[in-house]
């Protein structure tokens, strides 16, 4: 399997780690779209949201608990957005489940 996020998780590709535990790794996005733009991913390789199984329920919960902690640590008291791109039409370019945690300025109600 040739997955850039798996390589980052293993430490083979350098990244700026924002958070890490046994389930989750979170890194700063190399091309930030907001003042805060963190990628939150499971350490287990799951290709996309469409590949999540019942066995992954605990992992998904850990991702959202990590996102909440990261947002708090980064001072996003006024809110933040979590986005997941699932599939080619949605713009998923890396086939490893990940969530974009965005914040640091007012975004408004529109998604895009």
Protein backbone atom coordinates (compact mmCIF):
# COMPACT_ATOMS: atom_id res chain seq x y z
CA UNK A 1 0.00 0.00 0.00
CA UNK A 2 1.34 3.43 -0.95
CA UNK A 3 -0.31 5.93 1.42
CA UNK A 4 1.31 9.25 2.28
CA UNK A 5 -0.62 9.54 5.56
CA UNK A 6 0.49 6.05 6.64
CA UNK A 7 4.07 7.15 5.93
CA UNK A 8 3.53 10.30 8.02
CA UNK A 9 2.01 8.25 10.86
CA UNK A 10 5.03 5.89 10.80
CA UNK A 11 7.37 8.89 10.90
CA UNK A 12 8.88 8.18 7.49
CA UNK A 13 7.74 11.58 6.19
CA UNK A 14 8.27 14.60 8.44
CA UNK A 15 5.28 16.64 9.57
CA UNK A 16 4.36 19.09 12.30
CA UNK A 17 2.43 17.03 14.82
CA UNK A 18 -0.28 18.91 16.70
CA UNK A 19 -1.66 15.91 18.60
CA UNK A 20 -0.94 12.21 18.85
CA UNK A 21 -2.20 9.28 20.89
CA UNK A 22 -2.48 5.54 20.26
CA UNK A 23 -5.51 6.03 17.94
CA UNK A 24 -5.05 9.39 16.24
CA UNK A 25 -2.43 11.63 14.69
CA UNK A 26 -3.09 15.28 13.86
CA UNK A 27 -0.77 17.46 11.80
CA UNK A 28 -0.74 20.98 10.45
CA UNK A 29 -1.92 21.12 6.83
CA UNK A 30 0.90 22.10 4.45
CA UNK A 31 -1.50 24.29 2.47
CA UNK A 32 -3.70 25.92 5.15
CA UNK A 33 -7.04 27.36 4.09
CA UNK A 34 -7.66 29.08 7.45
CA UNK A 35 -5.48 30.46 10.25
CA UNK A 36 -5.91 27.04 11.91
CA UNK A 37 -5.97 24.06 9.53
CA UNK A 38 -5.19 20.71 11.09
CA UNK A 39 -5.60 17.25 9.52
CA UNK A 40 -6.91 14.70 12.02
CA UNK A 41 -6.52 11.07 10.96
CA UNK A 42 -6.80 7.60 12.45
CA UNK A 43 -3.55 5.68 12.77
CA UNK A 44 -5.40 2.68 11.33
CA UNK A 45 -5.60 2.90 7.54
CA UNK A 46 -9.21 3.41 6.49
CA UNK A 47 -9.46 4.56 2.87
CA UNK A 48 -12.52 6.81 3.24
CA UNK A 49 -15.73 7.34 5.20
CA UNK A 50 -17.30 4.75 2.90
CA UNK A 51 -14.88 2.15 4.27
CA UNK A 52 -15.77 2.65 7.95
CA UNK A 53 -17.05 -0.55 9.57
CA UNK A 54 -18.76 -1.33 12.88
CA UNK A 55 -15.32 -2.29 14.21
CA UNK A 56 -14.11 1.26 13.52
CA UNK A 57 -16.73 2.95 15.74
CA UNK A 58 -14.33 3.42 18.66
CA UNK A 59 -11.65 4.83 16.34
CA UNK A 60 -14.09 7.37 14.90
CA UNK A 61 -15.12 8.43 18.39
CA UNK A 62 -11.46 8.91 19.32
CA UNK A 63 -10.98 11.14 16.27
CA UNK A 64 -13.76 13.48 17.36
CA UNK A 65 -12.56 13.56 20.97
CA UNK A 66 -9.09 14.44 19.68
CA UNK A 67 -10.54 17.18 17.45
CA UNK A 68 -12.33 18.70 20.45
CA UNK A 69 -9.10 18.67 22.47
CA UNK A 70 -7.07 20.15 19.62
CA UNK A 71 -9.62 22.93 19.11
CA UNK A 72 -9.46 23.77 22.79
CA UNK A 73 -5.66 23.67 22.87
CA UNK A 74 -5.53 26.00 19.85
CA UNK A 75 -7.91 28.53 21.38
CA UNK A 76 -10.90 27.99 19.09
CA UNK A 77 -13.44 28.87 21.81
CA UNK A 78 -15.70 30.69 19.34
CA UNK A 79 -16.04 27.67 17.07
CA UNK A 80 -14.46 25.58 14.39
CA UNK A 81 -15.45 23.47 11.43
CA UNK A 82 -14.70 19.78 10.79
CA UNK A 83 -14.81 18.64 7.15
CA UNK A 84 -14.35 15.22 5.58
CA UNK A 85 -14.05 14.78 1.83
CA UNK A 86 -15.33 11.35 0.82
CA UNK A 87 -14.58 10.24 -2.71
CA UNK A 88 -13.27 11.82 -5.86
CA UNK A 89 -16.25 14.12 -6.54
CA UNK A 90 -15.91 15.55 -3.01
CA UNK A 91 -12.22 16.31 -3.54
CA UNK A 92 -10.66 13.46 -1.54
CA UNK A 93 -7.10 13.35 -2.85
CA UNK A 94 -5.50 11.15 -0.17
CA UNK A 95 -7.14 7.75 0.23
CA UNK A 96 -6.78 7.69 4.03
CA UNK A 97 -9.70 8.87 6.14
CA UNK A 98 -8.97 12.31 7.56
CA UNK A 99 -10.81 15.34 8.83
CA UNK A 100 -9.93 18.98 8.27
CA UNK A 101 -10.24 20.97 11.50
CA UNK A 102 -10.57 24.62 10.46
CA UNK A 103 -10.82 27.75 12.55
CA UNK A 104 -9.29 30.98 13.64
CA UNK A 105 -11.71 33.35 11.94
CA UNK A 106 -15.43 33.75 11.30
CA UNK A 107 -16.58 31.48 8.47
CA UNK A 108 -20.29 32.14 8.20
CA UNK A 109 -23.03 29.64 7.48
CA UNK A 110 -22.08 28.56 3.97
CA UNK A 111 -19.97 25.44 3.63
CA UNK A 112 -18.13 26.66 0.54
